[in-house]
Amino acid sequence: MFLNTAASKILQKGRQKSPFAFIQKFGYVDVYMKWKKDSYYDSIEHITKSIELKSIISLKNCIAQDPNGCIPISAVSKRGLEMGVSMKV
C-alpha cells in the first residue's frame, strides 16, 4: 500500500511518545501562602454566603487570622474538614 507524504507524516507522529505518557513523582513541600486583604470582596454577600466558595473562604479566613498573614500548607491538612479538603495535603 502506497501512502502520500502527508499521510505518512501523520502516522509517524502517532507513533511518537505522547508528552502526557509519563509517571509523575512528587514529594511533600511546606509552602507559605500570603493573603492580601481586599475589603471590597468581603462585602459582597453572594461571595461570603456561597456554598461553592465555602472552602476557599475558610482558607482565606485561616490566612487572615494568622499574625504574619501566611500559613504553612500543613495547616490546611490539619483543618481539612473545616476547609472542605477531603485528602491529606
PDB file of N, CA and C in Angstrom:
ATOM      1  N   MET A   1       0.838  -1.183   0.000  1.00  0.00           N
ATOM      2  CA  MET A   1       0.000   0.000   0.000  1.00  0.00           C
ATOM      3  C   MET A   1       0.884   1.247   0.000  1.00  0.00           C
ATOM      4  N   PHE A   2       0.614   2.176  -0.892  1.00  0.00           N
ATOM      5  CA  PHE A   2       1.402   3.385  -1.031  1.00  0.00           C
ATOM      6  C   PHE A   2       0.678   4.547  -0.347  1.00  0.00           C
ATOM      7  N   LEU A   3       1.382   5.277   0.508  1.00  0.00           N
ATOM      8  CA  LEU A   3       0.809   6.444   1.190  1.00  0.00           C
ATOM      9  C   LEU A   3       1.504   7.705   0.703  1.00  0.00           C
ATOM     10  N   ASN A   4       0.748   8.760   0.610  1.00  0.00           N
ATOM     11  CA  ASN A   4       1.388  10.012   0.240  1.00  0.00           C
ATOM     12  C   ASN A   4       2.180  10.553   1.436  1.00  0.00           C
ATOM     13  N   THR A   5       2.989  11.550   1.205  1.00  0.00           N
ATOM     14  CA  THR A   5       3.893  12.043   2.251  1.00  0.00           C
ATOM     15  C   THR A   5       3.142  12.644   3.435  1.00  0.00           C
ATOM     16  N   ALA A   6       2.030  13.314   3.199  1.00  0.00           N
ATOM     17  CA  ALA A   6       1.269  13.912   4.304  1.00  0.00           C
ATOM     18  C   ALA A   6       0.711  12.833   5.223  1.00  0.00           C
ATOM     19  N   ALA A   7       0.175  11.775   4.635  1.00  0.00           N
ATOM     20  CA  ALA A   7      -0.388  10.687   5.442  1.00  0.00           C
ATOM     21  C   ALA A   7       0.703   9.963   6.214  1.00  0.00           C
ATOM     22  N   SER A   8       1.863   9.776   5.604  1.00  0.00           N
ATOM     23  CA  SER A   8       2.945   9.077   6.309  1.00  0.00           C
ATOM     24  C   SER A   8       3.473   9.910   7.472  1.00  0.00           C
ATOM     25  N   LYS A   9       3.490  11.238   7.325  1.00  0.00           N
ATOM     26  CA  LYS A   9       3.914  12.105   8.431  1.00  0.00           C
ATOM     27  C   LYS A   9       2.933  12.021   9.595  1.00  0.00           C
ATOM     28  N   ILE A  10       1.653  11.969   9.306  1.00  0.00           N
ATOM     29  CA  ILE A  10       0.636  11.851  10.357  1.00  0.00           C
ATOM     30  C   ILE A  10       0.795  10.533  11.102  1.00  0.00           C
ATOM     31  N   LEU A  11       1.037   9.459  10.372  1.00  0.00           N
ATOM     32  CA  LEU A  11       1.230   8.155  11.006  1.00  0.00           C
ATOM     33  C   LEU A  11       2.492   8.131  11.862  1.00  0.00           C
ATOM     34  N   GLN A  12       3.545   8.782  11.407  1.00  0.00           N
ATOM     35  CA  GLN A  12       4.781   8.821  12.180  1.00  0.00           C
ATOM     36  C   GLN A  12       4.595   9.608  13.468  1.00  0.00           C
ATOM     37  N   LYS A  13       3.832  10.689  13.417  1.00  0.00           N
ATOM     38  CA  LYS A  13       3.560  11.464  14.628  1.00  0.00           C
ATOM     39  C   LYS A  13       2.769  10.641  15.631  1.00  0.00           C
ATOM     40  N   GLY A  14       1.877   9.802  15.147  1.00  0.00           N
ATOM     41  CA  GLY A  14       1.082   8.950  16.029  1.00  0.00           C
ATOM     42  C   GLY A  14       1.922   7.925  16.766  1.00  0.00           C
ATOM     43  N   ARG A  15       3.049   7.556  16.195  1.00  0.00           N
ATOM     44  CA  ARG A  15       3.937   6.571  16.827  1.00  0.00           C
ATOM     45  C   ARG A  15       4.830   7.195  17.891  1.00  0.00           C
ATOM     46  N   GLN A  16       4.987   8.501  17.857  1.00  0.00           N
ATOM     47  CA  GLN A  16       5.830   9.170  18.840  1.00  0.00           C
ATOM     48  C   GLN A  16       5.195   9.068  20.222  1.00  0.00           C
ATOM     49  N   LYS A  17       6.035   9.100  21.233  1.00  0.00           N
ATOM     50  CA  LYS A  17       5.547   9.006  22.605  1.00  0.00           C
ATOM     51  C   LYS A  17       4.774  10.279  22.960  1.00  0.00           C
ATOM     52  N   SER A  18       3.630  10.100  23.533  1.00  0.00           N
ATOM     53  CA  SER A  18       2.793  11.229  23.929  1.00  0.00           C
ATOM     54  C   SER A  18       3.482  12.013  25.048  1.00  0.00           C
ATOM     55  N   PRO A  19       3.403  13.340  25.019  1.00  0.00           N
ATOM     56  CA  PRO A  19       4.022  14.129  26.094  1.00  0.00           C
ATOM     57  C   PRO A  19       3.331  13.903  27.442  1.00  0.00           C
ATOM     58  N   PHE A  20       2.150  13.310  27.430  1.00  0.00           N
ATOM     59  CA  PHE A  20       1.420  13.082  28.669  1.00  0.00           C
ATOM     60  C   PHE A  20       1.626  11.670  29.205  1.00  0.00           C
ATOM     61  N   ALA A  21       2.391  10.852  28.501  1.00  0.00           N
ATOM     62  CA  ALA A  21       2.611   9.468  28.917  1.00  0.00           C
ATOM     63  C   ALA A  21       3.887   9.391  29.752  1.00  0.00           C
ATOM     64  N   PHE A  22       3.800   9.752  31.013  1.00  0.00           N
ATOM     65  CA  PHE A  22       4.935   9.673  31.914  1.00  0.00           C
ATOM     66  C   PHE A  22       4.433   9.433  33.329  1.00  0.00           C
ATOM     67  N   ILE A  23       5.326   9.042  34.181  1.00  0.00           N
ATOM     68  CA  ILE A  23       4.975   8.825  35.583  1.00  0.00           C
ATOM     69  C   ILE A  23       5.461  10.034  36.365  1.00  0.00           C
ATOM     70  N   GLN A  24       4.558  10.649  37.088  1.00  0.00           N
ATOM     71  CA  GLN A  24       4.912  11.831  37.857  1.00  0.00           C
ATOM     72  C   GLN A  24       5.227  11.428  39.287  1.00  0.00           C
ATOM     73  N   LYS A  25       6.367  11.842  39.778  1.00  0.00           N
ATOM     74  CA  LYS A  25       6.746  11.603  41.164  1.00  0.00           C
ATOM     75  C   LYS A  25       6.664  12.937  41.886  1.00  0.00           C
ATOM     76  N   PHE A  26       6.228  12.892  43.120  1.00  0.00           N
ATOM     77  CA  PHE A  26       6.114  14.129  43.869  1.00  0.00           C
ATOM     78  C   PHE A  26       6.465  13.878  45.321  1.00  0.00           C
ATOM     79  N   GLY A  27       6.733  14.926  46.032  1.00  0.00           N
ATOM     80  CA  GLY A  27       7.054  14.845  47.447  1.00  0.00           C
ATOM     81  C   GLY A  27       6.369  15.965  48.201  1.00  0.00           C
ATOM     82  N   TYR A  28       6.520  15.942  49.500  1.00  0.00           N
ATOM     83  CA  TYR A  28       5.889  16.945  50.360  1.00  0.00           C
ATOM     84  C   TYR A  28       6.727  18.218  50.350  1.00  0.00           C
ATOM     85  N   VAL A  29       6.085  19.334  50.153  1.00  0.00           N
ATOM     86  CA  VAL A  29       6.751  20.627  50.191  1.00  0.00           C
ATOM     87  C   VAL A  29       5.956  21.522  51.120  1.00  0.00           C
ATOM     88  N   ASP A  30       6.638  22.130  52.081  1.00  0.00           N
ATOM     89  CA  ASP A  30       5.971  23.034  53.017  1.00  0.00           C
ATOM     90  C   ASP A  30       5.989  24.434  52.402  1.00  0.00           C
ATOM     91  N   VAL A  31       4.836  24.929  52.012  1.00  0.00           N
ATOM     92  CA  VAL A  31       4.715  26.190  51.292  1.00  0.00           C
ATOM     93  C   VAL A  31       4.012  27.210  52.170  1.00  0.00           C
ATOM     94  N   TYR A  32       4.473  28.439  52.139  1.00  0.00           N
ATOM     95  CA  TYR A  32       3.793  29.513  52.851  1.00  0.00           C
ATOM     96  C   TYR A  32       3.010  30.339  51.847  1.00  0.00           C
ATOM     97  N   MET A  33       1.763  30.663  52.213  1.00  0.00           N
ATOM     98  CA  MET A  33       0.910  31.450  51.333  1.00  0.00           C
ATOM     99  C   MET A  33       0.564  32.760  52.028  1.00  0.00           C
ATOM    100  N   LYS A  34       0.581  33.839  51.300  1.00  0.00           N
ATOM    101  CA  LYS A  34       0.198  35.135  51.854  1.00  0.00           C
ATOM    102  C   LYS A  34      -1.147  35.551  51.277  1.00  0.00           C
ATOM    103  N   TRP A  35      -1.887  36.311  52.059  1.00  0.00           N
ATOM    104  CA  TRP A  35      -3.195  36.782  51.646  1.00  0.00           C
ATOM    105  C   TRP A  35      -3.197  38.297  51.665  1.00  0.00           C
ATOM    106  N   LYS A  36      -3.596  38.905  50.575  1.00  0.00           N
ATOM    107  CA  LYS A  36      -3.738  40.351  50.522  1.00  0.00           C
ATOM    108  C   LYS A  36      -5.210  40.664  50.710  1.00  0.00           C
ATOM    109  N   LYS A  37      -5.513  41.378  51.757  1.00  0.00           N
ATOM    110  CA  LYS A  37      -6.902  41.675  52.118  1.00  0.00           C
ATOM    111  C   LYS A  37      -7.496  42.676  51.134  1.00  0.00           C
ATOM    112  N   ASP A  38      -8.693  42.381  50.688  1.00  0.00           N
ATOM    113  CA  ASP A  38      -9.447  43.290  49.835  1.00  0.00           C
ATOM    114  C   ASP A  38     -10.857  43.365  50.407  1.00  0.00           C
ATOM    115  N   SER A  39     -11.133  44.413  51.135  1.00  0.00           N
ATOM    116  CA  SER A  39     -12.415  44.529  51.840  1.00  0.00           C
ATOM    117  C   SER A  39     -13.603  44.610  50.880  1.00  0.00           C
ATOM    118  N   TYR A  40     -13.377  44.991  49.636  1.00  0.00           N
ATOM    119  CA  TYR A  40     -14.472  45.058  48.671  1.00  0.00           C
ATOM    120  C   TYR A  40     -15.110  43.686  48.485  1.00  0.00           C
ATOM    121  N   TYR A  41     -14.283  42.646  48.307  1.00  0.00           N
ATOM    122  CA  TYR A  41     -14.815  41.300  48.091  1.00  0.00           C
ATOM    123  C   TYR A  41     -15.456  40.726  49.352  1.00  0.00           C
ATOM    124  N   ASP A  42     -14.980  41.135  50.528  1.00  0.00           N
ATOM    125  CA  ASP A  42     -15.582  40.668  51.778  1.00  0.00           C
ATOM    126  C   ASP A  42     -16.980  41.236  51.978  1.00  0.00           C
ATOM    127  N   SER A  43     -17.294  42.320  51.308  1.00  0.00           N
ATOM    128  CA  SER A  43     -18.603  42.947  51.486  1.00  0.00           C
ATOM    129  C   SER A  43     -19.661  42.424  50.508  1.00  0.00           C
ATOM    130  N   ILE A  44     -19.289  41.602  49.552  1.00  0.00           N
ATOM    131  CA  ILE A  44     -20.241  41.071  48.575  1.00  0.00           C
ATOM    132  C   ILE A  44     -20.908  39.833  49.168  1.00  0.00           C
ATOM    133  N   GLU A  45     -22.202  39.924  49.429  1.00  0.00           N
ATOM    134  CA  GLU A  45     -22.935  38.859  50.110  1.00  0.00           C
ATOM    135  C   GLU A  45     -22.950  37.553  49.319  1.00  0.00           C
ATOM    136  N   HIS A  46     -23.037  37.626  47.995  1.00  0.00           N
ATOM    137  CA  HIS A  46     -23.066  36.405  47.180  1.00  0.00           C
ATOM    138  C   HIS A  46     -21.774  35.608  47.333  1.00  0.00           C
ATOM    139  N   ILE A  47     -20.682  36.298  47.558  1.00  0.00           N
ATOM    140  CA  ILE A  47     -19.402  35.604  47.727  1.00  0.00           C
ATOM    141  C   ILE A  47     -19.303  35.006  49.121  1.00  0.00           C
ATOM    142  N   THR A  48     -19.608  35.785  50.144  1.00  0.00           N
ATOM    143  CA  THR A  48     -19.429  35.310  51.521  1.00  0.00           C
ATOM    144  C   THR A  48     -20.403  34.208  51.900  1.00  0.00           C
ATOM    145  N   LYS A  49     -21.564  34.122  51.260  1.00  0.00           N
ATOM    146  CA  LYS A  49     -22.556  33.099  51.603  1.00  0.00           C
ATOM    147  C   LYS A  49     -22.625  31.956  50.590  1.00  0.00           C
ATOM    148  N   SER A  50     -21.735  31.943  49.632  1.00  0.00           N
ATOM    149  CA  SER A  50     -21.750  30.927  48.581  1.00  0.00           C
ATOM    150  C   SER A  50     -21.294  29.570  49.111  1.00  0.00           C
ATOM    151  N   ILE A  51     -22.076  28.527  48.825  1.00  0.00           N
ATOM    152  CA  ILE A  51     -21.714  27.164  49.225  1.00  0.00           C
ATOM    153  C   ILE A  51     -20.498  26.694  48.425  1.00  0.00           C
ATOM    154  N   GLU A  52     -20.435  27.048  47.151  1.00  0.00           N
ATOM    155  CA  GLU A  52     -19.331  26.621  46.299  1.00  0.00           C
ATOM    156  C   GLU A  52     -17.995  27.217  46.746  1.00  0.00           C
ATOM    157  N   LEU A  53     -18.036  28.393  47.361  1.00  0.00           N
ATOM    158  CA  LEU A  53     -16.806  29.068  47.772  1.00  0.00           C
ATOM    159  C   LEU A  53     -16.483  28.868  49.253  1.00  0.00           C
ATOM    160  N   LYS A  54     -17.228  28.002  49.938  1.00  0.00           N
ATOM    161  CA  LYS A  54     -17.045  27.811  51.381  1.00  0.00           C
ATOM    162  C   LYS A  54     -15.613  27.409  51.723  1.00  0.00           C
ATOM    163  N   SER A  55     -15.038  26.484  50.970  1.00  0.00           N
ATOM    164  CA  SER A  55     -13.680  26.003  51.247  1.00  0.00           C
ATOM    165  C   SER A  55     -12.647  27.109  51.105  1.00  0.00           C
ATOM    166  N   ILE A  56     -12.730  27.860  50.033  1.00  0.00           N
ATOM    167  CA  ILE A  56     -11.730  28.907  49.804  1.00  0.00           C
ATOM    168  C   ILE A  56     -11.910  30.061  50.783  1.00  0.00           C
ATOM    169  N   ILE A  57     -13.137  30.324  51.208  1.00  0.00           N
ATOM    170  CA  ILE A  57     -13.373  31.366  52.207  1.00  0.00           C
ATOM    171  C   ILE A  57     -12.800  30.932  53.552  1.00  0.00           C
ATOM    172  N   SER A  58     -12.932  29.652  53.897  1.00  0.00           N
ATOM    173  CA  SER A  58     -12.323  29.139  55.127  1.00  0.00           C
ATOM    174  C   SER A  58     -10.806  29.269  55.070  1.00  0.00           C
ATOM    175  N   LEU A  59     -10.227  28.969  53.922  1.00  0.00           N
ATOM    176  CA  LEU A  59      -8.782  29.126  53.749  1.00  0.00           C
ATOM    177  C   LEU A  59      -8.383  30.588  53.886  1.00  0.00           C
ATOM    178  N   LYS A  60      -9.142  31.464  53.278  1.00  0.00           N
ATOM    179  CA  LYS A  60      -8.865  32.901  53.373  1.00  0.00           C
ATOM    180  C   LYS A  60      -8.912  33.369  54.808  1.00  0.00           C
ATOM    181  N   ASN A  61      -9.922  32.912  55.561  1.00  0.00           N
ATOM    182  CA  ASN A  61     -10.053  33.316  56.958  1.00  0.00           C
ATOM    183  C   ASN A  61      -8.904  32.789  57.803  1.00  0.00           C
ATOM    184  N   CYS A  62      -8.463  31.579  57.524  1.00  0.00           N
ATOM    185  CA  CYS A  62      -7.329  30.989  58.242  1.00  0.00           C
ATOM    186  C   CYS A  62      -6.059  31.808  58.003  1.00  0.00           C
ATOM    187  N   ILE A  63      -5.819  32.196  56.773  1.00  0.00           N
ATOM    188  CA  ILE A  63      -4.636  33.002  56.448  1.00  0.00           C
ATOM    189  C   ILE A  63      -4.761  34.392  57.053  1.00  0.00           C
ATOM    190  N   ALA A  64      -5.947  34.975  57.002  1.00  0.00           N
ATOM    191  CA  ALA A  64      -6.152  36.324  57.523  1.00  0.00           C
ATOM    192  C   ALA A  64      -5.999  36.380  59.037  1.00  0.00           C
ATOM    193  N   GLN A  65      -6.326  35.287  59.748  1.00  0.00           N
ATOM    194  CA  GLN A  65      -6.217  35.269  61.209  1.00  0.00           C
ATOM    195  C   GLN A  65      -4.773  35.145  61.682  1.00  0.00           C
ATOM    196  N   ASP A  66      -3.900  34.630  60.856  1.00  0.00           N
ATOM    197  CA  ASP A  66      -2.501  34.485  61.245  1.00  0.00           C
ATOM    198  C   ASP A  66      -1.852  35.865  61.320  1.00  0.00           C
ATOM    199  N   PRO A  67      -1.089  36.146  62.388  1.00  0.00           N
ATOM    200  CA  PRO A  67      -0.480  37.478  62.522  1.00  0.00           C
ATOM    201  C   PRO A  67       0.496  37.830  61.398  1.00  0.00           C
ATOM    202  N   ASN A  68       1.134  36.824  60.801  1.00  0.00           N
ATOM    203  CA  ASN A  68       2.066  37.084  59.702  1.00  0.00           C
ATOM    204  C   ASN A  68       1.370  37.163  58.350  1.00  0.00           C
ATOM    205  N   GLY A  69       0.109  36.771  58.294  1.00  0.00           N
ATOM    206  CA  GLY A  69      -0.624  36.778  57.030  1.00  0.00           C
ATOM    207  C   GLY A  69      -0.238  35.643  56.112  1.00  0.00           C
ATOM    208  N   CYS A  70       0.373  34.595  56.674  1.00  0.00           N
ATOM    209  CA  CYS A  70       0.728  33.424  55.881  1.00  0.00           C
ATOM    210  C   CYS A  70       0.665  32.189  56.769  1.00  0.00           C
ATOM    211  N   ILE A  71       0.423  31.037  56.151  1.00  0.00           N
ATOM    212  CA  ILE A  71       0.329  29.779  56.895  1.00  0.00           C
ATOM    213  C   ILE A  71       1.091  28.697  56.144  1.00  0.00           C
ATOM    214  N   PRO A  72       1.587  27.691  56.870  1.00  0.00           N
ATOM    215  CA  PRO A  72       2.176  26.549  56.156  1.00  0.00           C
ATOM    216  C   PRO A  72       1.062  25.707  55.545  1.00  0.00           C
ATOM    217  N   ILE A  73       1.342  25.070  54.448  1.00  0.00           N
ATOM    218  CA  ILE A  73       0.332  24.263  53.764  1.00  0.00           C
ATOM    219  C   ILE A  73      -0.127  23.114  54.650  1.00  0.00           C
ATOM    220  N   SER A  74       0.711  22.692  55.605  1.00  0.00           N
ATOM    221  CA  SER A  74       0.318  21.620  56.523  1.00  0.00           C
ATOM    222  C   SER A  74      -0.860  22.045  57.400  1.00  0.00           C
ATOM    223  N   ALA A  75      -1.057  23.347  57.591  1.00  0.00           N
ATOM    224  CA  ALA A  75      -2.206  23.830  58.365  1.00  0.00           C
ATOM    225  C   ALA A  75      -3.515  23.507  57.648  1.00  0.00           C
ATOM    226  N   VAL A  76      -3.484  23.467  56.336  1.00  0.00           N
ATOM    227  CA  VAL A  76      -4.677  23.096  55.569  1.00  0.00           C
ATOM    228  C   VAL A  76      -5.014  21.639  55.833  1.00  0.00           C
ATOM    229  N   SER A  77      -3.990  20.801  55.898  1.00  0.00           N
ATOM    230  CA  SER A  77      -4.197  19.380  56.159  1.00  0.00           C
ATOM    231  C   SER A  77      -4.786  19.160  57.550  1.00  0.00           C
ATOM    232  N   LYS A  78      -4.318  19.920  58.520  1.00  0.00           N
ATOM    233  CA  LYS A  78      -4.808  19.775  59.893  1.00  0.00           C
ATOM    234  C   LYS A  78      -6.254  20.239  60.036  1.00  0.00           C
ATOM    235  N   ARG A  79      -6.661  21.189  59.224  1.00  0.00           N
ATOM    236  CA  ARG A  79      -8.029  21.715  59.280  1.00  0.00           C
ATOM    237  C   ARG A  79      -8.845  21.251  58.079  1.00  0.00           C
ATOM    238  N   GLY A  80      -8.590  20.065  57.608  1.00  0.00           N
ATOM    239  CA  GLY A  80      -9.212  19.552  56.391  1.00  0.00           C
ATOM    240  C   GLY A  80     -10.721  19.583  56.384  1.00  0.00           C
ATOM    241  N   LEU A  81     -11.356  19.122  57.458  1.00  0.00           N
ATOM    242  CA  LEU A  81     -12.825  19.095  57.481  1.00  0.00           C
ATOM    243  C   LEU A  81     -13.409  20.498  57.484  1.00  0.00           C
ATOM    244  N   GLU A  82     -12.786  21.392  58.222  1.00  0.00           N
ATOM    245  CA  GLU A  82     -13.270  22.777  58.282  1.00  0.00           C
ATOM    246  C   GLU A  82     -13.197  23.453  56.916  1.00  0.00           C
ATOM    247  N   MET A  83     -12.148  23.138  56.173  1.00  0.00           N
ATOM    248  CA  MET A  83     -11.937  23.774  54.877  1.00  0.00           C
ATOM    249  C   MET A  83     -12.499  22.969  53.723  1.00  0.00           C
ATOM    250  N   GLY A  84     -13.068  21.823  54.004  1.00  0.00           N
ATOM    251  CA  GLY A  84     -13.667  21.020  52.948  1.00  0.00           C
ATOM    252  C   GLY A  84     -12.657  20.270  52.106  1.00  0.00           C
ATOM    253  N   VAL A  85     -11.471  20.031  52.648  1.00  0.00           N
ATOM    254  CA  VAL A  85     -10.438  19.280  51.940  1.00  0.00           C
ATOM    255  C   VAL A  85     -10.528  17.838  52.403  1.00  0.00           C
ATOM    256  N   SER A  86     -10.781  16.922  51.481  1.00  0.00           N
ATOM    257  CA  SER A  86     -11.012  15.529  51.853  1.00  0.00           C
ATOM    258  C   SER A  86      -9.756  14.672  51.794  1.00  0.00           C
ATOM    259  N   MET A  87      -8.607  15.269  51.542  1.00  0.00           N
ATOM    260  CA  MET A  87      -7.383  14.479  51.453  1.00  0.00           C
ATOM    261  C   MET A  87      -6.274  15.166  52.226  1.00  0.00           C
ATOM    262  N   LYS A  88      -5.224  14.415  52.490  1.00  0.00           N
ATOM    263  CA  LYS A  88      -4.056  14.982  53.162  1.00  0.00           C
ATOM    264  C   LYS A  88      -3.302  15.852  52.176  1.00  0.00           C
ATOM    265  N   VAL A  89      -2.911  17.010  52.632  1.00  0.00           N
ATOM    266  CA  VAL A  89      -2.163  17.943  51.788  1.00  0.00           C
ATOM    267  C   VAL A  89      -0.732  17.962  52.253  1.00  0.00           C
TER     268      VAL A  89
END
